[in-house]
Amino acid sequence: MTYVLLIRLAGPLQSWGVASRFPARRDSHSRPTKSAVIGMCAAAMGLPRSMPLEEPKESASTRPGRPTALGELARTTFAVRADHPGVPVRDYHTVGAGTYPLRPRDLILDHRRAAAVSASLDAGTGGRFGHHPLAHWYGAPKKITADPASGVLVSAELTRSGLITERWYLSDAAFLVGLQHEDEDFLASVGHALEHPRHLLWLGRKSCPPSGTLFLGTFPGDLDTAFRRHRLLPGPDGSGPPRDRAWAWLQVPPSEPGATPVQDQPVGFSPLKPEHTTRWEIARRITIAPDAAEWRGIIP
């Protein structure tokens, strides 16, 4: 017997990355990815990003190879239904360039900067400390390296030109996400965490917080059945959709006819080196059953 946790992902903006983390062009996938949803659930539960998918083999108190809480999340079967696909929105974004006043930490972390403004610092008094500009120097370094002579941490980039990026979002989209698992209590605990998160949640990017209700309940059965037995979600203005069909993408075994590979099965969430592997999914047109359950009490 399996159960399905249904999650509502809606908000003014969403962005689901599938390519590089920091390219000049940051596309958005047309729908939420499994790695992003699992990461959001893990954040809600307060799981550390360094948590492995299996218990360490050297642990005496646990069975070797037993899935951790993050491992249980990762092994759920995933599906998403696009009730309101949203409208693609392009953001022309610029950041960096120019020079900035030095901050106290810039002088402490970089002896080159301190030496360059030493005369000005000796003459300065009071509130002038930390407000000394350096021509052609970038005053707020993000790239840190070790100085080859002293070994202390210094800025790896003394100058910086403007960085222009093109960022894409989905506007006014609403998705119904399903996670299928054998343990209903585990799914219910995930749903409770989504409504009482330990960490901040966002829809693919930190500038995209979710709106309203996330946890819609747990239901017996499989993903296809759960999608067919529930009406489409209300739109951004609270109105119901004028149709009873929607596209859905369901995780399936690789042997399923028509299955396509997707590189978003989470393996690790380390901030330095996140890892993903391949899963398989199939696109399917979902026709809502005539006696499908209505949504009640959803906070838009």
Protein backbone atom coordinates (compact mmCIF):
# COMPACT_ATOMS: atom_id res chain seq x y z
CA MET A 1 0.00 0.00 0.00
CA THR A 2 1.32 3.42 -0.93
CA TYR A 3 0.28 6.95 0.01
CA VAL A 4 0.66 10.31 -1.70
CA LEU A 5 1.55 13.63 -0.11
CA LEU A 6 0.09 16.52 -2.12
CA ILE A 7 1.87 19.89 -2.03
CA ARG A 8 0.71 23.18 -3.50
CA LEU A 9 3.47 25.34 -4.98
CA ALA A 10 2.15 28.78 -5.91
CA GLY A 11 3.40 32.33 -5.72
CA PRO A 12 3.92 35.55 -7.68
CA LEU A 13 7.23 34.22 -9.07
CA GLN A 14 8.90 30.82 -9.35
CA SER A 15 12.19 29.77 -10.93
CA TRP A 16 13.34 26.16 -11.25
CA GLY A 17 16.93 25.81 -12.40
CA VAL A 18 18.13 22.82 -14.38
CA ALA A 19 21.47 24.14 -15.70
CA SER A 20 24.55 25.77 -14.14
CA ARG A 21 24.24 27.53 -10.81
CA PHE A 22 25.70 30.89 -11.92
CA PRO A 23 25.51 31.31 -15.69
CA ALA A 24 24.95 34.67 -17.40
CA ARG A 25 21.57 33.32 -18.50
CA ARG A 26 19.57 31.65 -15.76
CA ASP A 27 16.69 29.79 -17.32
CA SER A 28 13.70 28.43 -15.47
CA HIS A 29 12.30 24.98 -16.07
CA SER A 30 8.61 24.86 -16.99
CA ARG A 31 7.82 23.05 -13.73
CA PRO A 32 9.33 22.25 -10.32
CA THR A 33 12.20 19.77 -10.25
CA LYS A 34 12.44 16.85 -7.87
CA SER A 35 15.74 18.01 -6.37
CA ALA A 36 14.25 21.44 -5.58
CA VAL A 37 11.13 19.98 -3.96
CA ILE A 38 13.11 17.47 -1.90
CA GLY A 39 15.49 20.25 -0.84
CA MET A 40 12.55 22.43 0.21
CA CYS A 41 11.06 19.58 2.28
CA ALA A 42 14.46 18.93 3.89
CA ALA A 43 14.78 22.62 4.78
CA ALA A 44 11.31 22.61 6.30
CA MET A 45 12.28 19.60 8.45
CA GLY A 46 15.53 21.26 9.52
CA LEU A 47 17.77 18.57 8.01
CA PRO A 48 21.42 19.61 7.54
CA ARG A 49 22.68 19.89 3.97
CA SER A 50 25.57 17.60 4.86
CA MET A 51 23.26 14.71 5.76
CA PRO A 52 23.94 11.60 3.63
CA LEU A 53 21.19 9.51 2.07
CA GLU A 54 22.19 6.46 4.14
CA GLU A 55 23.30 5.98 7.73
CA PRO A 56 27.10 5.75 8.07
CA LYS A 57 28.37 2.19 8.00
CA GLU A 58 30.64 2.81 10.99
CA SER A 59 27.73 3.81 13.21
CA ALA A 60 27.12 1.20 15.90
CA SER A 61 23.66 2.46 16.83
CA THR A 62 22.12 2.17 13.36
CA ARG A 63 21.93 -0.49 10.71
CA PRO A 64 24.43 0.08 7.86
CA GLY A 65 22.78 1.29 4.70
CA ARG A 66 19.51 2.31 6.39
CA PRO A 67 18.05 5.45 4.73
CA THR A 68 18.25 8.68 6.67
CA ALA A 69 15.34 11.14 6.70
CA LEU A 70 16.87 12.79 3.64
CA GLY A 71 17.26 9.38 2.02
CA GLU A 72 13.58 8.62 2.62
CA LEU A 73 12.69 11.90 0.93
CA ALA A 74 14.97 11.20 -2.01
CA ARG A 75 13.53 7.75 -2.65
CA THR A 76 9.92 8.98 -2.87
CA THR A 77 8.29 8.75 -6.27
CA PHE A 78 7.77 12.24 -7.64
CA ALA A 79 5.18 13.84 -9.91
CA VAL A 80 3.97 17.35 -10.71
CA ARG A 81 0.73 18.60 -12.29
CA ALA A 82 0.71 22.01 -13.98
CA ASP A 83 -2.67 23.40 -12.94
CA HIS A 84 -1.62 26.94 -13.91
CA PRO A 85 1.63 26.81 -15.95
CA GLY A 86 2.29 30.54 -15.47
CA VAL A 87 3.75 33.14 -17.81
CA PRO A 88 7.52 33.34 -18.48
CA VAL A 89 9.00 36.63 -17.24
CA ARG A 90 12.47 37.95 -18.13
CA ASP A 91 14.54 40.00 -15.69
CA TYR A 92 17.46 42.01 -17.10
CA HIS A 93 19.77 42.04 -14.10
CA THR A 94 23.03 43.93 -13.45
CA VAL A 95 25.27 43.64 -10.41
CA GLY A 96 28.76 44.72 -9.38
CA ALA A 97 31.08 47.21 -11.13
CA GLY A 98 32.31 50.46 -9.67
CA THR A 99 34.25 51.03 -6.48
CA TYR A 100 32.96 51.01 -2.93
CA PRO A 101 34.21 52.34 0.41
CA LEU A 102 36.30 49.83 2.29
CA ARG A 103 34.73 48.17 5.30
CA PRO A 104 36.65 47.26 8.46
CA ARG A 105 36.63 43.58 7.54
CA ASP A 106 38.18 44.40 4.13
CA LEU A 107 41.15 45.93 5.93
CA ILE A 108 41.42 43.08 8.42
CA LEU A 109 41.23 40.30 5.81
CA ASP A 110 43.45 41.90 3.17
CA HIS A 111 46.81 43.36 4.17
CA ARG A 112 47.21 44.81 0.66
CA ARG A 113 44.20 47.05 1.18
CA ALA A 114 45.36 48.08 4.64
CA ALA A 115 48.77 49.08 3.26
CA ALA A 116 47.19 51.03 0.40
CA VAL A 117 45.14 53.21 2.76
CA SER A 118 47.55 53.32 5.71
CA ALA A 119 48.30 57.03 5.27
CA SER A 120 44.63 57.86 5.05
CA LEU A 121 43.88 55.73 8.09
CA ASP A 122 46.58 57.48 10.16
CA ALA A 123 45.06 60.84 9.31
CA GLY A 124 41.48 59.73 9.75
CA THR A 125 39.55 60.08 12.97
CA GLY A 126 36.18 59.07 14.32
CA GLY A 127 33.62 57.86 11.83
CA ARG A 128 36.04 57.94 8.92
CA PHE A 129 37.26 54.44 9.72
CA GLY A 130 35.85 51.98 7.21
CA HIS A 131 34.84 54.68 4.74
CA HIS A 132 38.00 54.94 2.65
CA PRO A 133 37.64 54.41 -1.11
CA LEU A 134 40.45 52.97 -3.22
CA ALA A 135 40.51 53.89 -6.89
CA HIS A 136 40.20 50.85 -9.18
CA TRP A 137 39.74 48.48 -6.25
CA TYR A 138 36.58 46.51 -5.64
CA GLY A 139 35.58 47.19 -2.06
CA ALA A 140 33.39 44.18 -1.26
CA PRO A 141 35.22 41.00 -2.31
CA LYS A 142 33.34 37.76 -2.77
CA LYS A 143 36.16 35.70 -4.24
CA ILE A 144 38.56 34.86 -1.41
CA THR A 145 41.92 33.14 -1.79
CA ALA A 146 45.08 32.60 0.25
CA ASP A 147 47.93 35.06 -0.25
CA PRO A 148 50.91 33.07 -1.66
CA ALA A 149 53.41 34.96 0.50
CA SER A 150 51.71 35.09 3.90
CA GLY A 151 48.92 32.53 3.56
CA VAL A 152 46.31 34.93 4.93
CA LEU A 153 42.94 35.20 3.23
CA VAL A 154 42.77 38.01 0.68
CA SER A 155 40.55 39.04 -2.17
CA ALA A 156 41.25 37.19 -5.42
CA GLU A 157 39.70 39.99 -7.44
CA LEU A 158 40.83 43.58 -6.84
CA THR A 159 38.78 45.01 -9.70
CA ARG A 160 35.42 43.95 -10.98
CA SER A 161 33.42 44.84 -14.06
CA GLY A 162 29.64 44.83 -14.19
CA LEU A 163 28.01 41.42 -14.39
CA ILE A 164 24.95 41.31 -16.64
CA THR A 165 22.60 38.36 -16.27
CA GLU A 166 19.32 37.37 -17.85
CA ARG A 167 17.04 35.67 -15.35
CA TRP A 168 13.77 33.94 -16.17
CA TYR A 169 10.82 33.31 -13.88
CA LEU A 170 7.32 31.85 -14.03
CA SER A 171 4.71 34.40 -13.04
CA ASP A 172 1.40 33.47 -11.33
CA ALA A 173 1.97 29.72 -11.66
CA ALA A 174 0.41 27.04 -9.47
CA PHE A 175 1.59 23.42 -9.40
CA LEU A 176 0.30 20.35 -7.60
CA VAL A 177 3.26 18.20 -6.52
CA GLY A 178 2.92 14.61 -5.34
CA LEU A 179 5.38 12.50 -3.32
CA GLN A 180 4.55 8.78 -3.12
CA HIS A 181 5.84 6.63 -0.25
CA GLU A 182 4.86 3.54 1.72
CA ASP A 183 4.89 5.28 5.12
CA GLU A 184 1.90 7.59 5.58
CA ASP A 185 3.19 8.85 8.94
CA PHE A 186 6.46 9.93 7.34
CA LEU A 187 4.60 11.84 4.60
CA ALA A 188 2.37 13.47 7.21
CA SER A 189 5.44 14.62 9.14
CA VAL A 190 6.82 16.18 5.96
CA GLY A 191 3.53 17.95 5.34
CA HIS A 192 3.44 19.26 8.91
CA ALA A 193 6.99 20.58 8.50
CA LEU A 194 6.02 22.44 5.33
CA GLU A 195 3.39 24.36 7.30
CA HIS A 196 5.76 24.85 10.28
CA PRO A 197 9.19 25.10 8.58
CA ARG A 198 12.46 25.16 10.50
CA HIS A 199 14.11 27.21 7.74
CA LEU A 200 12.86 29.67 5.15
CA LEU A 201 11.30 28.14 2.03
CA TRP A 202 11.36 29.41 -1.53
CA LEU A 203 10.21 28.32 -4.98
CA GLY A 204 13.54 27.57 -6.61
CA ARG A 205 15.21 30.87 -5.75
CA LYS A 206 15.47 32.93 -2.56
CA SER A 207 13.59 35.84 -4.13
CA CYS A 208 10.53 33.58 -4.72
CA PRO A 209 8.74 32.74 -1.45
CA PRO A 210 5.70 30.44 -1.62
CA SER A 211 2.27 31.85 -0.92
CA GLY A 212 -0.53 30.42 1.18
CA THR A 213 -1.13 26.76 1.88
CA LEU A 214 1.53 24.17 0.95
CA PHE A 215 0.39 20.96 2.66
CA LEU A 216 -2.83 19.62 1.10
CA GLY A 217 -2.97 16.25 2.85
CA THR A 218 -1.98 12.61 2.41
CA PHE A 219 -4.11 10.15 0.45
CA PRO A 220 -3.99 6.40 -0.20
CA GLY A 221 -3.15 5.23 -3.72
CA ASP A 222 -0.68 6.25 -6.40
CA LEU A 223 0.22 9.57 -8.02
CA ASP A 224 -1.94 9.16 -11.11
CA THR A 225 -5.00 8.35 -9.00
CA ALA A 226 -4.37 11.25 -6.61
CA PHE A 227 -4.08 13.70 -9.50
CA ARG A 228 -7.28 12.49 -11.16
CA ARG A 229 -9.32 12.53 -7.95
CA HIS A 230 -8.58 16.17 -7.05
CA ARG A 231 -9.77 19.29 -8.85
CA LEU A 232 -7.33 21.72 -10.36
CA LEU A 233 -6.04 24.30 -7.91
CA PRO A 234 -7.57 27.78 -7.80
CA GLY A 235 -5.83 30.44 -9.85
CA PRO A 236 -3.86 33.41 -8.46
CA ASP A 237 -7.07 35.44 -8.16
CA GLY A 238 -8.87 32.62 -6.33
CA SER A 239 -11.01 31.64 -9.31
CA GLY A 240 -11.30 28.08 -10.52
CA PRO A 241 -9.76 26.97 -13.82
CA PRO A 242 -12.07 26.88 -16.88
CA ARG A 243 -10.98 23.35 -17.82
CA ASP A 244 -10.77 19.86 -16.34
CA ARG A 245 -7.52 18.66 -17.92
CA ALA A 246 -3.88 19.43 -17.20
CA TRP A 247 -0.44 18.13 -18.09
CA ALA A 248 1.43 16.10 -15.50
CA TRP A 249 4.91 14.58 -15.36
CA LEU A 250 5.18 11.36 -13.38
CA GLN A 251 8.31 9.49 -12.29
CA VAL A 252 8.36 5.99 -13.79
CA PRO A 253 10.81 3.07 -14.15
CA PRO A 254 13.29 3.37 -17.05
CA SER A 255 11.53 0.49 -18.84
CA GLU A 256 8.26 2.44 -19.12
CA PRO A 257 7.42 3.13 -22.82
CA GLY A 258 7.92 6.79 -23.64
CA ALA A 259 9.96 7.53 -20.50
CA THR A 260 12.56 10.30 -20.81
CA PRO A 261 15.58 10.93 -18.55
CA VAL A 262 15.73 13.89 -16.17
CA GLN A 263 18.89 14.85 -14.31
CA ASP A 264 17.32 15.94 -11.02
CA GLN A 265 17.38 12.92 -8.73
CA PRO A 266 19.18 14.24 -5.61
CA VAL A 267 22.25 12.41 -4.34
CA GLY A 268 23.70 15.09 -2.04
CA PHE A 269 22.96 18.70 -1.10
CA SER A 270 26.44 19.85 -0.10
CA PRO A 271 26.67 23.61 -0.79
CA LEU A 272 30.13 23.11 -2.26
CA LYS A 273 29.24 20.18 -4.51
CA PRO A 274 25.57 19.27 -4.90
CA GLU A 275 25.11 15.98 -6.74
CA HIS A 276 22.28 14.67 -8.90
CA THR A 277 21.70 11.58 -10.93
CA THR A 278 19.18 10.44 -13.53
CA ARG A 279 15.56 9.53 -12.99
CA TRP A 280 12.87 8.81 -15.59
CA GLU A 281 9.51 10.44 -16.14
CA ILE A 282 6.62 10.41 -18.57
CA ALA A 283 4.33 13.28 -19.60
CA ARG A 284 0.65 12.52 -19.36
CA ARG A 285 -2.55 14.48 -19.89
CA ILE A 286 -4.62 14.20 -16.71
CA THR A 287 -8.41 14.25 -17.01
CA ILE A 288 -10.05 15.18 -13.73
CA ALA A 289 -12.72 12.68 -12.60
CA PRO A 290 -16.31 13.99 -12.50
CA ASP A 291 -16.54 13.17 -8.80
CA ALA A 292 -13.13 14.65 -7.98
CA ALA A 293 -12.70 16.26 -4.56
CA GLU A 294 -12.96 20.03 -4.31
CA TRP A 295 -10.29 22.09 -2.55
CA ARG A 296 -11.51 23.80 0.59
CA GLY A 297 -9.75 26.04 3.07
CA ILE A 298 -6.77 26.81 0.82
CA ILE A 299 -5.08 30.10 1.73
CA PRO A 300 -4.13 31.68 -1.64
